[in-house]
Amino acid sequence: VASAQSNDFSSVVLQQGNAPFSGIIAFPGLNNDLDTRL
């Protein structure tokens, strides 16, 4: 729901719908393209 792209947030934010406790900030590991995703 938020990416690390230049026109977006500085971190990747993940969400599973709108149920409580369903969002979290994530950072990629080695050999991972999570920070390039949209």
All heavy atoms as atom14 arrays in JSON, in Angstrom:
{
  "sequence": "VASAQSNDFSSVVLQQGNAPFSGIIAFPGLNNDLDTRL",
  "atom14_mask": [
    [1, 1, 1, 1, 1, 1, 1, 0, 0, 0, 0, 0, 0, 0],
    [1, 1, 1, 1, 1, 0, 0, 0, 0, 0, 0, 0, 0, 0],
    [1, 1, 1, 1, 1, 1, 0, 0, 0, 0, 0, 0, 0, 0],
    [1, 1, 1, 1, 1, 0, 0, 0, 0, 0, 0, 0, 0, 0],
    [1, 1, 1, 1, 1, 1, 1, 1, 1, 0, 0, 0, 0, 0],
    [1, 1, 1, 1, 1, 1, 0, 0, 0, 0, 0, 0, 0, 0],
    [1, 1, 1, 1, 1, 1, 1, 1, 0, 0, 0, 0, 0, 0],
    [1, 1, 1, 1, 1, 1, 1, 1, 0, 0, 0, 0, 0, 0],
    [1, 1, 1, 1, 1, 1, 1, 1, 1, 1, 1, 0, 0, 0],
    [1, 1, 1, 1, 1, 1, 0, 0, 0, 0, 0, 0, 0, 0],
    [1, 1, 1, 1, 1, 1, 0, 0, 0, 0, 0, 0, 0, 0],
    [1, 1, 1, 1, 1, 1, 1, 0, 0, 0, 0, 0, 0, 0],
    [1, 1, 1, 1, 1, 1, 1, 0, 0, 0, 0, 0, 0, 0],
    [1, 1, 1, 1, 1, 1, 1, 1, 0, 0, 0, 0, 0, 0],
    [1, 1, 1, 1, 1, 1, 1, 1, 1, 0, 0, 0, 0, 0],
    [1, 1, 1, 1, 1, 1, 1, 1, 1, 0, 0, 0, 0, 0],
    [1, 1, 1, 1, 0, 0, 0, 0, 0, 0, 0, 0, 0, 0],
    [1, 1, 1, 1, 1, 1, 1, 1, 0, 0, 0, 0, 0, 0],
    [1, 1, 1, 1, 1, 0, 0, 0, 0, 0, 0, 0, 0, 0],
    [1, 1, 1, 1, 1, 1, 1, 0, 0, 0, 0, 0, 0, 0],
    [1, 1, 1, 1, 1, 1, 1, 1, 1, 1, 1, 0, 0, 0],
    [1, 1, 1, 1, 1, 1, 0, 0, 0, 0, 0, 0, 0, 0],
    [1, 1, 1, 1, 0, 0, 0, 0, 0, 0, 0, 0, 0, 0],
    [1, 1, 1, 1, 1, 1, 1, 1, 0, 0, 0, 0, 0, 0],
    [1, 1, 1, 1, 1, 1, 1, 1, 0, 0, 0, 0, 0, 0],
    [1, 1, 1, 1, 1, 0, 0, 0, 0, 0, 0, 0, 0, 0],
    [1, 1, 1, 1, 1, 1, 1, 1, 1, 1, 1, 0, 0, 0],
    [1, 1, 1, 1, 1, 1, 1, 0, 0, 0, 0, 0, 0, 0],
    [1, 1, 1, 1, 0, 0, 0, 0, 0, 0, 0, 0, 0, 0],
    [1, 1, 1, 1, 1, 1, 1, 1, 0, 0, 0, 0, 0, 0],
    [1, 1, 1, 1, 1, 1, 1, 1, 0, 0, 0, 0, 0, 0],
    [1, 1, 1, 1, 1, 1, 1, 1, 0, 0, 0, 0, 0, 0],
    [1, 1, 1, 1, 1, 1, 1, 1, 0, 0, 0, 0, 0, 0],
    [1, 1, 1, 1, 1, 1, 1, 1, 0, 0, 0, 0, 0, 0],
    [1, 1, 1, 1, 1, 1, 1, 1, 0, 0, 0, 0, 0, 0],
    [1, 1, 1, 1, 1, 1, 1, 0, 0, 0, 0, 0, 0, 0],
    [1, 1, 1, 1, 1, 1, 1, 1, 1, 1, 1, 0, 0, 0],
    [1, 1, 1, 1, 1, 1, 1, 1, 0, 0, 0, 0, 0, 0]
  ],
  "atom14_positions": [
    [[0.83, -1.21, 0.0], [0.0, 0.0, 0.0], [0.86, 1.26, 0.0], [0.34, 2.37, -0.15], [-0.97, 0.01, 1.2], [-1.98, -1.12, 1.08], [-0.22, -0.08, 2.53], [0.0, 0.0, 0.0], [0.0, 0.0, 0.0], [0.0, 0.0, 0.0], [0.0, 0.0, 0.0], [0.0, 0.0, 0.0], [0.0, 0.0, 0.0], [0.0, 0.0, 0.0]],
    [[2.15, 1.11, 0.2], [3.1, 2.22, 0.09], [4.42, 1.62, -0.35], [4.86, 0.6, 0.2], [3.25, 2.96, 1.41], [0.0, 0.0, 0.0], [0.0, 0.0, 0.0], [0.0, 0.0, 0.0], [0.0, 0.0, 0.0], [0.0, 0.0, 0.0], [0.0, 0.0, 0.0], [0.0, 0.0, 0.0], [0.0, 0.0, 0.0], [0.0, 0.0, 0.0]],
    [[5.04, 2.22, -1.34], [6.28, 1.68, -1.88], [7.46, 2.58, -1.54], [7.29, 3.66, -0.98], [6.16, 1.54, -3.41], [6.27, 2.81, -4.03], [0.0, 0.0, 0.0], [0.0, 0.0, 0.0], [0.0, 0.0, 0.0], [0.0, 0.0, 0.0], [0.0, 0.0, 0.0], [0.0, 0.0, 0.0], [0.0, 0.0, 0.0], [0.0, 0.0, 0.0]],
    [[8.64, 2.12, -1.92], [9.86, 2.91, -1.7], [10.27, 3.67, -2.96], [11.42, 4.11, -3.07], [11.0, 2.01, -1.23], [0.0, 0.0, 0.0], [0.0, 0.0, 0.0], [0.0, 0.0, 0.0], [0.0, 0.0, 0.0], [0.0, 0.0, 0.0], [0.0, 0.0, 0.0], [0.0, 0.0, 0.0], [0.0, 0.0, 0.0], [0.0, 0.0, 0.0]],
    [[9.33, 3.86, -3.89], [9.63, 4.57, -5.13], [9.85, 6.06, -4.86], [9.48, 6.59, -3.8], [8.48, 4.39, -6.12], [8.24, 2.94, -6.51], [9.45, 2.29, -7.14], [9.98, 2.78, -8.14], [9.92, 1.19, -6.56], [0.0, 0.0, 0.0], [0.0, 0.0, 0.0], [0.0, 0.0, 0.0], [0.0, 0.0, 0.0], [0.0, 0.0, 0.0]],
    [[10.42, 6.76, -5.84], [10.77, 8.17, -5.66], [9.56, 9.06, -5.47], [9.67, 10.15, -4.9], [11.61, 8.66, -6.85], [10.87, 8.55, -8.06], [0.0, 0.0, 0.0], [0.0, 0.0, 0.0], [0.0, 0.0, 0.0], [0.0, 0.0, 0.0], [0.0, 0.0, 0.0], [0.0, 0.0, 0.0], [0.0, 0.0, 0.0], [0.0, 0.0, 0.0]],
    [[8.39, 8.65, -5.98], [7.18, 9.46, -5.82], [6.25, 8.86, -4.77], [5.04, 9.08, -4.81], [6.45, 9.6, -7.16], [5.94, 8.25, -7.68], [6.31, 7.2, -7.17], [5.1, 8.3, -8.7], [0.0, 0.0, 0.0], [0.0, 0.0, 0.0], [0.0, 0.0, 0.0], [0.0, 0.0, 0.0], [0.0, 0.0, 0.0], [0.0, 0.0, 0.0]],
    [[6.83, 8.1, -3.84], [6.02, 7.42, -2.84], [6.73, 7.46, -1.49], [7.66, 8.24, -1.27], [5.75, 5.98, -3.28], [4.46, 5.4, -2.7], [3.9, 6.0, -1.75], [4.01, 4.35, -3.17], [0.0, 0.0, 0.0], [0.0, 0.0, 0.0], [0.0, 0.0, 0.0], [0.0, 0.0, 0.0], [0.0, 0.0, 0.0], [0.0, 0.0, 0.0]],
    [[6.31, 6.61, -0.6], [6.82, 6.57, 0.76], [8.27, 6.11, 0.76], [8.79, 5.58, -0.22], [5.94, 5.62, 1.58], [6.0, 5.82, 3.07], [5.84, 7.07, 3.63], [6.19, 4.75, 3.92], [5.86, 7.25, 4.99], [6.22, 4.91, 5.28], [6.06, 6.16, 5.82], [0.0, 0.0, 0.0], [0.0, 0.0, 0.0], [0.0, 0.0, 0.0]],
    [[8.95, 6.26, 1.87], [10.36, 5.88, 1.96], [10.55, 4.41, 2.34], [11.67, 3.9, 2.3], [11.08, 6.75, 2.99], [10.42, 6.67, 4.25], [0.0, 0.0, 0.0], [0.0, 0.0, 0.0], [0.0, 0.0, 0.0], [0.0, 0.0, 0.0], [0.0, 0.0, 0.0], [0.0, 0.0, 0.0], [0.0, 0.0, 0.0], [0.0, 0.0, 0.0]],
    [[9.47, 3.73, 2.73], [9.52, 2.33, 3.13], [8.37, 1.59, 2.47], [7.4, 2.2, 2.0], [9.41, 2.19, 4.65], [10.41, 2.93, 5.31], [0.0, 0.0, 0.0], [0.0, 0.0, 0.0], [0.0, 0.0, 0.0], [0.0, 0.0, 0.0], [0.0, 0.0, 0.0], [0.0, 0.0, 0.0], [0.0, 0.0, 0.0], [0.0, 0.0, 0.0]],
    [[8.48, 0.27, 2.44], [7.4, -0.57, 1.92], [6.44, -0.86, 3.08], [6.84, -1.31, 4.15], [7.94, -1.88, 1.34], [6.8, -2.81, 0.94], [8.84, -1.59, 0.14], [0.0, 0.0, 0.0], [0.0, 0.0, 0.0], [0.0, 0.0, 0.0], [0.0, 0.0, 0.0], [0.0, 0.0, 0.0], [0.0, 0.0, 0.0], [0.0, 0.0, 0.0]],
    [[5.16, -0.58, 2.84], [4.12, -0.85, 3.84], [3.17, -1.88, 3.26], [2.7, -1.75, 2.13], [3.35, 0.43, 4.22], [2.32, 0.12, 5.3], [4.32, 1.5, 4.71], [0.0, 0.0, 0.0], [0.0, 0.0, 0.0], [0.0, 0.0, 0.0], [0.0, 0.0, 0.0], [0.0, 0.0, 0.0], [0.0, 0.0, 0.0], [0.0, 0.0, 0.0]],
    [[2.9, -2.92, 4.05], [2.03, -4.01, 3.62], [0.73, -3.98, 4.4], [0.71, -3.61, 5.58], [2.72, -5.36, 3.85], [4.12, -5.53, 3.25], [4.71, -6.85, 3.69], [4.06, -5.43, 1.75], [0.0, 0.0, 0.0], [0.0, 0.0, 0.0], [0.0, 0.0, 0.0], [0.0, 0.0, 0.0], [0.0, 0.0, 0.0], [0.0, 0.0, 0.0]],
    [[-0.35, -4.4, 3.76], [-1.64, -4.43, 4.44], [-2.47, -5.59, 3.9], [-2.4, -5.94, 2.72], [-2.37, -3.1, 4.24], [-3.47, -2.83, 5.25], [-3.94, -1.38, 5.24], [-3.12, -0.46, 5.15], [-5.24, -1.18, 5.33], [0.0, 0.0, 0.0], [0.0, 0.0, 0.0], [0.0, 0.0, 0.0], [0.0, 0.0, 0.0], [0.0, 0.0, 0.0]],
    [[-3.23, -6.21, 4.78], [-4.15, -7.28, 4.42], [-5.57, -6.81, 4.72], [-6.11, -7.08, 5.78], [-3.85, -8.56, 5.21], [-2.55, -9.25, 4.85], [-2.3, -10.47, 5.7], [-2.39, -10.43, 6.93], [-1.97, -11.59, 5.06], [0.0, 0.0, 0.0], [0.0, 0.0, 0.0], [0.0, 0.0, 0.0], [0.0, 0.0, 0.0], [0.0, 0.0, 0.0]],
    [[-6.17, -6.06, 3.81], [-7.51, -5.56, 4.05], [-7.53, -4.53, 5.16], [-6.5, -3.95, 5.51], [0.0, 0.0, 0.0], [0.0, 0.0, 0.0], [0.0, 0.0, 0.0], [0.0, 0.0, 0.0], [0.0, 0.0, 0.0], [0.0, 0.0, 0.0], [0.0, 0.0, 0.0], [0.0, 0.0, 0.0], [0.0, 0.0, 0.0], [0.0, 0.0, 0.0]],
    [[-8.71, -4.34, 5.75], [-8.87, -3.31, 6.78], [-9.18, -3.88, 8.15], [-9.59, -3.15, 9.05], [-9.98, -2.33, 6.39], [-9.44, -1.18, 5.53], [-8.22, -0.98, 5.46], [-10.31, -0.46, 4.88], [0.0, 0.0, 0.0], [0.0, 0.0, 0.0], [0.0, 0.0, 0.0], [0.0, 0.0, 0.0], [0.0, 0.0, 0.0], [0.0, 0.0, 0.0]],
    [[-8.97, -5.18, 8.33], [-9.17, -5.76, 9.66], [-8.12, -5.19, 10.62], [-7.03, -4.79, 10.2], [-9.06, -7.27, 9.6], [0.0, 0.0, 0.0], [0.0, 0.0, 0.0], [0.0, 0.0, 0.0], [0.0, 0.0, 0.0], [0.0, 0.0, 0.0], [0.0, 0.0, 0.0], [0.0, 0.0, 0.0], [0.0, 0.0, 0.0], [0.0, 0.0, 0.0]],
    [[-8.43, -5.09, 11.9], [-7.45, -4.55, 12.86], [-6.13, -5.33, 12.83], [-6.11, -6.53, 12.55], [-8.16, -4.72, 14.21], [-9.61, -4.72, 13.88], [-9.72, -5.4, 12.54], [0.0, 0.0, 0.0], [0.0, 0.0, 0.0], [0.0, 0.0, 0.0], [0.0, 0.0, 0.0], [0.0, 0.0, 0.0], [0.0, 0.0, 0.0], [0.0, 0.0, 0.0]],
    [[-5.04, -4.62, 13.08], [-3.7, -5.19, 13.18], [-3.23, -5.79, 11.85], [-2.44, -6.73, 11.84], [-3.63, -6.25, 14.29], [-3.96, -5.73, 15.65], [-5.22, -5.95, 16.19], [-3.03, -5.02, 16.4], [-5.55, -5.47, 17.45], [-3.35, -4.55, 17.66], [-4.61, -4.77, 18.2], [0.0, 0.0, 0.0], [0.0, 0.0, 0.0], [0.0, 0.0, 0.0]],
    [[-3.68, -5.24, 10.73], [-3.38, -5.85, 9.43], [-2.34, -5.09, 8.62], [-2.21, -5.33, 7.42], [-4.67, -5.99, 8.6], [-5.5, -6.98, 9.16], [0.0, 0.0, 0.0], [0.0, 0.0, 0.0], [0.0, 0.0, 0.0], [0.0, 0.0, 0.0], [0.0, 0.0, 0.0], [0.0, 0.0, 0.0], [0.0, 0.0, 0.0], [0.0, 0.0, 0.0]],
    [[-1.61, -4.14, 9.22], [-0.59, -3.4, 8.49], [0.77, -3.54, 9.14], [0.88, -3.72, 10.36], [0.0, 0.0, 0.0], [0.0, 0.0, 0.0], [0.0, 0.0, 0.0], [0.0, 0.0, 0.0], [0.0, 0.0, 0.0], [0.0, 0.0, 0.0], [0.0, 0.0, 0.0], [0.0, 0.0, 0.0], [0.0, 0.0, 0.0], [0.0, 0.0, 0.0]],
    [[1.83, -3.47, 8.33], [3.18, -3.56, 8.88], [4.18, -2.99, 7.87], [3.94, -3.03, 6.65], [3.55, -5.02, 9.23], [4.69, -5.08, 10.25], [3.89, -5.84, 7.97], [4.83, -6.41, 10.93], [0.0, 0.0, 0.0], [0.0, 0.0, 0.0], [0.0, 0.0, 0.0], [0.0, 0.0, 0.0], [0.0, 0.0, 0.0], [0.0, 0.0, 0.0]],
    [[5.28, -2.43, 8.36], [6.36, -1.91, 7.53], [7.36, -3.03, 7.3], [7.68, -3.78, 8.23], [7.03, -0.7, 8.2], [6.03, 0.46, 8.31], [8.27, -0.26, 7.44], [6.54, 1.64, 9.09], [0.0, 0.0, 0.0], [0.0, 0.0, 0.0], [0.0, 0.0, 0.0], [0.0, 0.0, 0.0], [0.0, 0.0, 0.0], [0.0, 0.0, 0.0]],
    [[7.86, -3.16, 6.07], [8.76, -4.25, 5.73], [9.99, -3.75, 4.99], [9.91, -2.81, 4.19], [8.03, -5.29, 4.87], [0.0, 0.0, 0.0], [0.0, 0.0, 0.0], [0.0, 0.0, 0.0], [0.0, 0.0, 0.0], [0.0, 0.0, 0.0], [0.0, 0.0, 0.0], [0.0, 0.0, 0.0], [0.0, 0.0, 0.0], [0.0, 0.0, 0.0]],
    [[11.12, -4.39, 5.27], [12.39, -4.04, 4.61], [12.96, -5.31, 3.98], [12.95, -6.38, 4.59], [13.38, -3.46, 5.62], [12.93, -2.16, 6.21], [12.18, -2.13, 7.38], [13.23, -0.95, 5.6], [11.75, -0.94, 7.94], [12.81, 0.25, 6.14], [12.07, 0.25, 7.3], [0.0, 0.0, 0.0], [0.0, 0.0, 0.0], [0.0, 0.0, 0.0]],
    [[13.48, -5.2, 2.76], [13.95, -6.41, 2.06], [15.21, -6.99, 2.66], [15.96, -6.31, 3.37], [14.21, -5.89, 0.64], [14.53, -4.44, 0.83], [13.67, -3.99, 1.97], [0.0, 0.0, 0.0], [0.0, 0.0, 0.0], [0.0, 0.0, 0.0], [0.0, 0.0, 0.0], [0.0, 0.0, 0.0], [0.0, 0.0, 0.0], [0.0, 0.0, 0.0]],
    [[15.44, -8.26, 2.35], [16.69, -8.91, 2.71], [17.63, -8.91, 1.51], [17.41, -8.22, 0.51], [0.0, 0.0, 0.0], [0.0, 0.0, 0.0], [0.0, 0.0, 0.0], [0.0, 0.0, 0.0], [0.0, 0.0, 0.0], [0.0, 0.0, 0.0], [0.0, 0.0, 0.0], [0.0, 0.0, 0.0], [0.0, 0.0, 0.0], [0.0, 0.0, 0.0]],
    [[18.7, -9.7, 1.6], [19.66, -9.79, 0.51], [19.0, -10.45, -0.7], [18.17, -11.35, -0.58], [20.88, -10.6, 0.97], [21.7, -9.98, 2.1], [22.8, -10.95, 2.53], [22.31, -8.66, 1.67], [0.0, 0.0, 0.0], [0.0, 0.0, 0.0], [0.0, 0.0, 0.0], [0.0, 0.0, 0.0], [0.0, 0.0, 0.0], [0.0, 0.0, 0.0]],
    [[19.4, -10.01, -1.88], [18.9, -10.58, -3.13], [17.37, -10.57, -3.17], [16.72, -11.54, -3.58], [19.43, -12.01, -3.3], [20.94, -12.08, -3.28], [21.62, -11.27, -3.9], [21.47, -13.05, -2.54], [0.0, 0.0, 0.0], [0.0, 0.0, 0.0], [0.0, 0.0, 0.0], [0.0, 0.0, 0.0], [0.0, 0.0, 0.0], [0.0, 0.0, 0.0]],
    [[16.81, -9.46, -2.73], [15.36, -9.33, -2.68], [14.97, -8.02, -3.33], [15.62, -7.0, -3.11], [14.91, -9.37, -1.21], [13.41, -9.5, -1.07], [12.67, -8.63, -1.5], [12.97, -10.58, -0.45], [0.0, 0.0, 0.0], [0.0, 0.0, 0.0], [0.0, 0.0, 0.0], [0.0, 0.0, 0.0], [0.0, 0.0, 0.0], [0.0, 0.0, 0.0]],
    [[13.92, -8.04, -4.14], [13.52, -6.84, -4.88], [12.31, -6.16, -4.26], [11.62, -5.39, -4.93], [13.25, -7.16, -6.34], [12.07, -8.11, -6.53], [11.54, -8.62, -5.52], [11.68, -8.35, -7.69], [0.0, 0.0, 0.0], [0.0, 0.0, 0.0], [0.0, 0.0, 0.0], [0.0, 0.0, 0.0], [0.0, 0.0, 0.0], [0.0, 0.0, 0.0]],
    [[12.05, -6.4, -2.98], [10.86, -5.84, -2.33], [10.82, -4.32, -2.46], [9.76, -3.73, -2.66], [10.83, -6.25, -0.86], [9.64, -5.77, -0.03], [8.34, -6.32, -0.58], [9.82, -6.16, 1.43], [0.0, 0.0, 0.0], [0.0, 0.0, 0.0], [0.0, 0.0, 0.0], [0.0, 0.0, 0.0], [0.0, 0.0, 0.0], [0.0, 0.0, 0.0]],
    [[11.98, -3.66, -2.35], [12.0, -2.2, -2.39], [11.8, -1.64, -3.8], [11.71, -0.42, -3.97], [13.3, -1.65, -1.78], [14.54, -2.2, -2.45], [14.41, -3.18, -3.23], [15.64, -1.68, -2.19], [0.0, 0.0, 0.0], [0.0, 0.0, 0.0], [0.0, 0.0, 0.0], [0.0, 0.0, 0.0], [0.0, 0.0, 0.0], [0.0, 0.0, 0.0]],
    [[11.72, -2.49, -4.81], [11.44, -2.02, -6.17], [9.98, -2.24, -6.55], [9.55, -1.79, -7.62], [12.32, -2.75, -7.21], [11.9, -4.13, -7.31], [13.78, -2.7, -6.8], [0.0, 0.0, 0.0], [0.0, 0.0, 0.0], [0.0, 0.0, 0.0], [0.0, 0.0, 0.0], [0.0, 0.0, 0.0], [0.0, 0.0, 0.0], [0.0, 0.0, 0.0]],
    [[9.23, -2.88, -5.72], [7.84, -3.2, -6.03], [6.95, -1.97, -5.88], [7.31, -0.98, -5.24], [7.34, -4.33, -5.13], [7.97, -5.68, -5.45], [7.58, -6.12, -6.83], [8.39, -7.25, -7.31], [8.34, -7.7, -8.54], [7.54, -7.12, -9.41], [9.08, -8.72, -8.92], [0.0, 0.0, 0.0], [0.0, 0.0, 0.0], [0.0, 0.0, 0.0]],
    [[5.76, -2.04, -6.49], [4.87, -0.9, -6.57], [3.61, -1.11, -5.73], [3.27, -2.24, -5.36], [4.47, -0.65, -8.02], [5.61, -0.49, -9.03], [5.04, -0.34, -10.43], [6.49, 0.7, -8.68], [0.0, 0.0, 0.0], [0.0, 0.0, 0.0], [0.0, 0.0, 0.0], [0.0, 0.0, 0.0], [0.0, 0.0, 0.0], [0.0, 0.0, 0.0]]
  ]
}
